[in-house]
Amino acid sequence: MAKTLTYRISGYGVNVRGNTLGIHYDIAAPDEATARTEMLERAAWDGFTDVRILRANMIVAEEVVHV
């Protein structure tokens, strides 16, 4: 079983009104490539197009805040 890590992925995308907005997601995934793919899928689900990923950082569990 693969270990699940948490990645904080930041980037930007265009919303339905045509505005470019900064976006970020905390994603739990076994590797960075999977986390990046999940971020693109979530951004599309949230209505963003032309999404660009600027940064993907692995974060330790203590930094993750669940709201």
PDB file of N, CA and C in Angstrom:
ATOM      1  N   MET A   1       0.843  -1.184   0.000  1.00  0.00           N
ATOM      2  CA  MET A   1       0.000   0.000   0.000  1.00  0.00           C
ATOM      3  C   MET A   1       0.886   1.244   0.000  1.00  0.00           C
ATOM      4  N   ALA A   2       0.612   2.139  -0.898  1.00  0.00           N
ATOM      5  CA  ALA A   2       1.409   3.363  -1.044  1.00  0.00           C
ATOM      6  C   ALA A   2       1.097   4.346   0.084  1.00  0.00           C
ATOM      7  N   LYS A   3       2.131   5.025   0.534  1.00  0.00           N
ATOM      8  CA  LYS A   3       1.957   6.027   1.579  1.00  0.00           C
ATOM      9  C   LYS A   3       1.307   7.272   0.980  1.00  0.00           C
ATOM     10  N   THR A   4       0.321   7.822   1.669  1.00  0.00           N
ATOM     11  CA  THR A   4      -0.356   9.025   1.189  1.00  0.00           C
ATOM     12  C   THR A   4       0.315  10.259   1.791  1.00  0.00           C
ATOM     13  N   LEU A   5       0.719  11.170   0.931  1.00  0.00           N
ATOM     14  CA  LEU A   5       1.340  12.418   1.335  1.00  0.00           C
ATOM     15  C   LEU A   5       0.388  13.565   1.016  1.00  0.00           C
ATOM     16  N   THR A   6       0.615  14.714   1.620  1.00  0.00           N
ATOM     17  CA  THR A   6      -0.223  15.881   1.352  1.00  0.00           C
ATOM     18  C   THR A   6       0.603  16.920   0.616  1.00  0.00           C
ATOM     19  N   TYR A   7       0.050  17.434  -0.468  1.00  0.00           N
ATOM     20  CA  TYR A   7       0.708  18.453  -1.280  1.00  0.00           C
ATOM     21  C   TYR A   7      -0.139  19.709  -1.296  1.00  0.00           C
ATOM     22  N   ARG A   8       0.502  20.854  -1.188  1.00  0.00           N
ATOM     23  CA  ARG A   8      -0.167  22.142  -1.349  1.00  0.00           C
ATOM     24  C   ARG A   8       0.212  22.637  -2.747  1.00  0.00           C
ATOM     25  N   ILE A   9      -0.783  22.707  -3.622  1.00  0.00           N
ATOM     26  CA  ILE A   9      -0.540  23.064  -5.018  1.00  0.00           C
ATOM     27  C   ILE A   9      -1.181  24.411  -5.306  1.00  0.00           C
ATOM     28  N   SER A  10      -0.382  25.318  -5.849  1.00  0.00           N
ATOM     29  CA  SER A  10      -0.849  26.678  -6.150  1.00  0.00           C
ATOM     30  C   SER A  10      -0.735  26.947  -7.637  1.00  0.00           C
ATOM     31  N   GLY A  11      -1.619  27.803  -8.110  1.00  0.00           N
ATOM     32  CA  GLY A  11      -1.592  28.186  -9.515  1.00  0.00           C
ATOM     33  C   GLY A  11      -2.639  29.256  -9.779  1.00  0.00           C
ATOM     34  N   TYR A  12      -3.085  29.311 -11.010  1.00  0.00           N
ATOM     35  CA  TYR A  12      -4.124  30.264 -11.360  1.00  0.00           C
ATOM     36  C   TYR A  12      -4.974  29.689 -12.476  1.00  0.00           C
ATOM     37  N   GLY A  13      -6.174  30.242 -12.616  1.00  0.00           N
ATOM     38  CA  GLY A  13      -7.088  29.791 -13.648  1.00  0.00           C
ATOM     39  C   GLY A  13      -8.096  30.884 -13.957  1.00  0.00           C
ATOM     40  N   VAL A  14      -8.852  30.678 -15.016  1.00  0.00           N
ATOM     41  CA  VAL A  14      -9.858  31.644 -15.458  1.00  0.00           C
ATOM     42  C   VAL A  14     -11.229  31.137 -15.028  1.00  0.00           C
ATOM     43  N   ASN A  15     -11.979  32.000 -14.318  1.00  0.00           N
ATOM     44  CA  ASN A  15     -13.311  31.583 -13.878  1.00  0.00           C
ATOM     45  C   ASN A  15     -14.343  31.835 -14.984  1.00  0.00           C
ATOM     46  N   VAL A  16     -15.615  31.543 -14.680  1.00  0.00           N
ATOM     47  CA  VAL A  16     -16.672  31.653 -15.691  1.00  0.00           C
ATOM     48  C   VAL A  16     -16.915  33.083 -16.145  1.00  0.00           C
ATOM     49  N   ARG A  17     -16.527  34.067 -15.336  1.00  0.00           N
ATOM     50  CA  ARG A  17     -16.688  35.476 -15.718  1.00  0.00           C
ATOM     51  C   ARG A  17     -15.515  35.994 -16.551  1.00  0.00           C
ATOM     52  N   GLY A  18     -14.492  35.177 -16.718  1.00  0.00           N
ATOM     53  CA  GLY A  18     -13.337  35.601 -17.501  1.00  0.00           C
ATOM     54  C   GLY A  18     -12.229  36.235 -16.679  1.00  0.00           C
ATOM     55  N   ASN A  19     -12.354  36.194 -15.360  1.00  0.00           N
ATOM     56  CA  ASN A  19     -11.322  36.761 -14.491  1.00  0.00           C
ATOM     57  C   ASN A  19     -10.256  35.717 -14.178  1.00  0.00           C
ATOM     58  N   THR A  20      -8.999  36.129 -14.151  1.00  0.00           N
ATOM     59  CA  THR A  20      -7.927  35.236 -13.754  1.00  0.00           C
ATOM     60  C   THR A  20      -7.761  35.319 -12.241  1.00  0.00           C
ATOM     61  N   LEU A  21      -7.852  34.168 -11.592  1.00  0.00           N
ATOM     62  CA  LEU A  21      -7.793  34.108 -10.135  1.00  0.00           C
ATOM     63  C   LEU A  21      -6.714  33.134  -9.684  1.00  0.00           C
ATOM     64  N   GLY A  22      -6.077  33.462  -8.575  1.00  0.00           N
ATOM     65  CA  GLY A  22      -5.147  32.534  -7.959  1.00  0.00           C
ATOM     66  C   GLY A  22      -5.925  31.452  -7.237  1.00  0.00           C
ATOM     67  N   ILE A  23      -5.462  30.219  -7.330  1.00  0.00           N
ATOM     68  CA  ILE A  23      -6.137  29.102  -6.669  1.00  0.00           C
ATOM     69  C   ILE A  23      -5.089  28.237  -5.978  1.00  0.00           C
ATOM     70  N   HIS A  24      -5.490  27.575  -4.913  1.00  0.00           N
ATOM     71  CA  HIS A  24      -4.626  26.584  -4.296  1.00  0.00           C
ATOM     72  C   HIS A  24      -5.472  25.511  -3.641  1.00  0.00           C
ATOM     73  N   TYR A  25      -4.929  24.312  -3.624  1.00  0.00           N
ATOM     74  CA  TYR A  25      -5.608  23.159  -3.051  1.00  0.00           C
ATOM     75  C   TYR A  25      -4.613  22.370  -2.214  1.00  0.00           C
ATOM     76  N   ASP A  26      -5.081  21.775  -1.130  1.00  0.00           N
ATOM     77  CA  ASP A  26      -4.322  20.797  -0.366  1.00  0.00           C
ATOM     78  C   ASP A  26      -4.830  19.427  -0.796  1.00  0.00           C
ATOM     79  N   ILE A  27      -3.951  18.625  -1.366  1.00  0.00           N
ATOM     80  CA  ILE A  27      -4.343  17.357  -1.970  1.00  0.00           C
ATOM     81  C   ILE A  27      -3.571  16.216  -1.317  1.00  0.00           C
ATOM     82  N   ALA A  28      -4.270  15.173  -0.911  1.00  0.00           N
ATOM     83  CA  ALA A  28      -3.631  13.963  -0.400  1.00  0.00           C
ATOM     84  C   ALA A  28      -3.481  12.985  -1.556  1.00  0.00           C
ATOM     85  N   ALA A  29      -2.241  12.574  -1.827  1.00  0.00           N
ATOM     86  CA  ALA A  29      -1.966  11.682  -2.949  1.00  0.00           C
ATOM     87  C   ALA A  29      -0.657  10.928  -2.686  1.00  0.00           C
ATOM     88  N   PRO A  30      -0.457   9.804  -3.350  1.00  0.00           N
ATOM     89  CA  PRO A  30       0.773   9.036  -3.141  1.00  0.00           C
ATOM     90  C   PRO A  30       2.020   9.671  -3.757  1.00  0.00           C
ATOM     91  N   ASP A  31       1.836  10.516  -4.778  1.00  0.00           N
ATOM     92  CA  ASP A  31       2.995  11.173  -5.401  1.00  0.00           C
ATOM     93  C   ASP A  31       2.579  12.515  -5.993  1.00  0.00           C
ATOM     94  N   GLU A  32       3.583  13.310  -6.376  1.00  0.00           N
ATOM     95  CA  GLU A  32       3.310  14.665  -6.861  1.00  0.00           C
ATOM     96  C   GLU A  32       2.548  14.675  -8.179  1.00  0.00           C
ATOM     97  N   ALA A  33       2.855  13.762  -9.074  1.00  0.00           N
ATOM     98  CA  ALA A  33       2.173  13.730 -10.370  1.00  0.00           C
ATOM     99  C   ALA A  33       0.670  13.479 -10.197  1.00  0.00           C
ATOM    100  N   THR A  34       0.328  12.569  -9.299  1.00  0.00           N
ATOM    101  CA  THR A  34      -1.081  12.286  -9.022  1.00  0.00           C
ATOM    102  C   THR A  34      -1.756  13.496  -8.382  1.00  0.00           C
ATOM    103  N   ALA A  35      -1.047  14.174  -7.491  1.00  0.00           N
ATOM    104  CA  ALA A  35      -1.597  15.368  -6.846  1.00  0.00           C
ATOM    105  C   ALA A  35      -1.852  16.471  -7.865  1.00  0.00           C
ATOM    106  N   ARG A  36      -0.931  16.662  -8.801  1.00  0.00           N
ATOM    107  CA  ARG A  36      -1.123  17.682  -9.841  1.00  0.00           C
ATOM    108  C   ARG A  36      -2.343  17.365 -10.703  1.00  0.00           C
ATOM    109  N   THR A  37      -2.504  16.105 -11.066  1.00  0.00           N
ATOM    110  CA  THR A  37      -3.656  15.693 -11.869  1.00  0.00           C
ATOM    111  C   THR A  37      -4.952  15.927 -11.112  1.00  0.00           C
ATOM    112  N   GLU A  38      -4.961  15.579  -9.834  1.00  0.00           N
ATOM    113  CA  GLU A  38      -6.151  15.791  -8.999  1.00  0.00           C
ATOM    114  C   GLU A  38      -6.480  17.276  -8.888  1.00  0.00           C
ATOM    115  N   MET A  39      -5.456  18.116  -8.785  1.00  0.00           N
ATOM    116  CA  MET A  39      -5.683  19.568  -8.699  1.00  0.00           C
ATOM    117  C   MET A  39      -6.346  20.074  -9.970  1.00  0.00           C
ATOM    118  N   LEU A  40      -5.877  19.620 -11.127  1.00  0.00           N
ATOM    119  CA  LEU A  40      -6.476  20.050 -12.390  1.00  0.00           C
ATOM    120  C   LEU A  40      -7.934  19.606 -12.487  1.00  0.00           C
ATOM    121  N   GLU A  41      -8.223  18.392 -12.016  1.00  0.00           N
ATOM    122  CA  GLU A  41      -9.600  17.894 -12.039  1.00  0.00           C
ATOM    123  C   GLU A  41     -10.501  18.694 -11.094  1.00  0.00           C
ATOM    124  N   ARG A  42      -9.999  18.997  -9.904  1.00  0.00           N
ATOM    125  CA  ARG A  42     -10.797  19.782  -8.955  1.00  0.00           C
ATOM    126  C   ARG A  42     -11.037  21.193  -9.453  1.00  0.00           C
ATOM    127  N   ALA A  43     -10.021  21.798 -10.065  1.00  0.00           N
ATOM    128  CA  ALA A  43     -10.179  23.154 -10.594  1.00  0.00           C
ATOM    129  C   ALA A  43     -11.227  23.167 -11.708  1.00  0.00           C
ATOM    130  N   ALA A  44     -11.199  22.160 -12.573  1.00  0.00           N
ATOM    131  CA  ALA A  44     -12.202  22.068 -13.636  1.00  0.00           C
ATOM    132  C   ALA A  44     -13.592  21.878 -13.028  1.00  0.00           C
ATOM    133  N   TRP A  45     -13.699  21.063 -11.991  1.00  0.00           N
ATOM    134  CA  TRP A  45     -14.978  20.848 -11.310  1.00  0.00           C
ATOM    135  C   TRP A  45     -15.496  22.146 -10.698  1.00  0.00           C
ATOM    136  N   ASP A  46     -14.574  22.993 -10.204  1.00  0.00           N
ATOM    137  CA  ASP A  46     -14.949  24.271  -9.606  1.00  0.00           C
ATOM    138  C   ASP A  46     -15.214  25.363 -10.644  1.00  0.00           C
ATOM    139  N   GLY A  47     -15.099  25.028 -11.929  1.00  0.00           N
ATOM    140  CA  GLY A  47     -15.458  25.964 -12.982  1.00  0.00           C
ATOM    141  C   GLY A  47     -14.307  26.748 -13.582  1.00  0.00           C
ATOM    142  N   PHE A  48     -13.061  26.383 -13.257  1.00  0.00           N
ATOM    143  CA  PHE A  48     -11.905  27.085 -13.810  1.00  0.00           C
ATOM    144  C   PHE A  48     -11.477  26.468 -15.133  1.00  0.00           C
ATOM    145  N   THR A  49     -11.000  27.326 -16.029  1.00  0.00           N
ATOM    146  CA  THR A  49     -10.424  26.863 -17.290  1.00  0.00           C
ATOM    147  C   THR A  49      -9.006  27.418 -17.396  1.00  0.00           C
ATOM    148  N   ASP A  50      -8.249  26.929 -18.341  1.00  0.00           N
ATOM    149  CA  ASP A  50      -6.875  27.389 -18.583  1.00  0.00           C
ATOM    150  C   ASP A  50      -6.058  27.412 -17.294  1.00  0.00           C
ATOM    151  N   VAL A  51      -6.132  26.343 -16.533  1.00  0.00           N
ATOM    152  CA  VAL A  51      -5.447  26.269 -15.237  1.00  0.00           C
ATOM    153  C   VAL A  51      -3.955  26.052 -15.443  1.00  0.00           C
ATOM    154  N   ARG A  52      -3.155  26.799 -14.700  1.00  0.00           N
ATOM    155  CA  ARG A  52      -1.701  26.661 -14.720  1.00  0.00           C
ATOM    156  C   ARG A  52      -1.240  26.394 -13.301  1.00  0.00           C
ATOM    157  N   ILE A  53      -0.369  25.411 -13.142  1.00  0.00           N
ATOM    158  CA  ILE A  53       0.199  25.097 -11.838  1.00  0.00           C
ATOM    159  C   ILE A  53       1.542  25.806 -11.727  1.00  0.00           C
ATOM    160  N   LEU A  54       1.708  26.585 -10.667  1.00  0.00           N
ATOM    161  CA  LEU A  54       2.955  27.305 -10.451  1.00  0.00           C
ATOM    162  C   LEU A  54       3.860  26.587  -9.460  1.00  0.00           C
ATOM    163  N   ARG A  55       3.271  25.965  -8.449  1.00  0.00           N
ATOM    164  CA  ARG A  55       4.074  25.392  -7.372  1.00  0.00           C
ATOM    165  C   ARG A  55       3.361  24.203  -6.759  1.00  0.00           C
ATOM    166  N   ALA A  56       4.115  23.171  -6.433  1.00  0.00           N
ATOM    167  CA  ALA A  56       3.588  22.018  -5.709  1.00  0.00           C
ATOM    168  C   ALA A  56       4.574  21.686  -4.594  1.00  0.00           C
ATOM    169  N   ASN A  57       4.136  21.857  -3.338  1.00  0.00           N
ATOM    170  CA  ASN A  57       4.991  21.597  -2.183  1.00  0.00           C
ATOM    171  C   ASN A  57       4.406  20.480  -1.342  1.00  0.00           C
ATOM    172  N   MET A  58       5.259  19.566  -0.909  1.00  0.00           N
ATOM    173  CA  MET A  58       4.831  18.547   0.034  1.00  0.00           C
ATOM    174  C   MET A  58       4.822  19.190   1.423  1.00  0.00           C
ATOM    175  N   ILE A  59       3.738  18.992   2.162  1.00  0.00           N
ATOM    176  CA  ILE A  59       3.650  19.581   3.496  1.00  0.00           C
ATOM    177  C   ILE A  59       3.527  18.464   4.526  1.00  0.00           C
ATOM    178  N   VAL A  60       4.005  18.743   5.716  1.00  0.00           N
ATOM    179  CA  VAL A  60       3.927  17.753   6.782  1.00  0.00           C
ATOM    180  C   VAL A  60       2.541  17.762   7.382  1.00  0.00           C
ATOM    181  N   ALA A  61       2.156  16.666   7.995  1.00  0.00           N
ATOM    182  CA  ALA A  61       0.786  16.495   8.485  1.00  0.00           C
ATOM    183  C   ALA A  61       0.385  17.552   9.504  1.00  0.00           C
ATOM    184  N   GLU A  62       1.334  18.053  10.294  1.00  0.00           N
ATOM    185  CA  GLU A  62       1.000  19.043  11.319  1.00  0.00           C
ATOM    186  C   GLU A  62       0.552  20.370  10.716  1.00  0.00           C
ATOM    187  N   GLU A  63       0.938  20.651   9.464  1.00  0.00           N
ATOM    188  CA  GLU A  63       0.570  21.916   8.826  1.00  0.00           C
ATOM    189  C   GLU A  63      -0.825  21.871   8.219  1.00  0.00           C
ATOM    190  N   VAL A  64      -1.372  20.698   8.041  1.00  0.00           N
ATOM    191  CA  VAL A  64      -2.677  20.549   7.396  1.00  0.00           C
ATOM    192  C   VAL A  64      -3.769  20.867   8.404  1.00  0.00           C
ATOM    193  N   VAL A  65      -4.615  21.815   8.061  1.00  0.00           N
ATOM    194  CA  VAL A  65      -5.725  22.206   8.922  1.00  0.00           C
ATOM    195  C   VAL A  65      -7.014  21.777   8.239  1.00  0.00           C
ATOM    196  N   HIS A  66      -7.767  20.913   8.888  1.00  0.00           N
ATOM    197  CA  HIS A  66      -9.029  20.450   8.324  1.00  0.00           C
ATOM    198  C   HIS A  66     -10.156  21.296   8.886  1.00  0.00           C
ATOM    199  N   VAL A  67     -10.890  21.950   8.005  1.00  0.00           N
ATOM    200  CA  VAL A  67     -11.981  22.825   8.421  1.00  0.00           C
ATOM    201  C   VAL A  67     -13.297  22.143   8.161  1.00  0.00           C
TER     202      VAL A  67
END
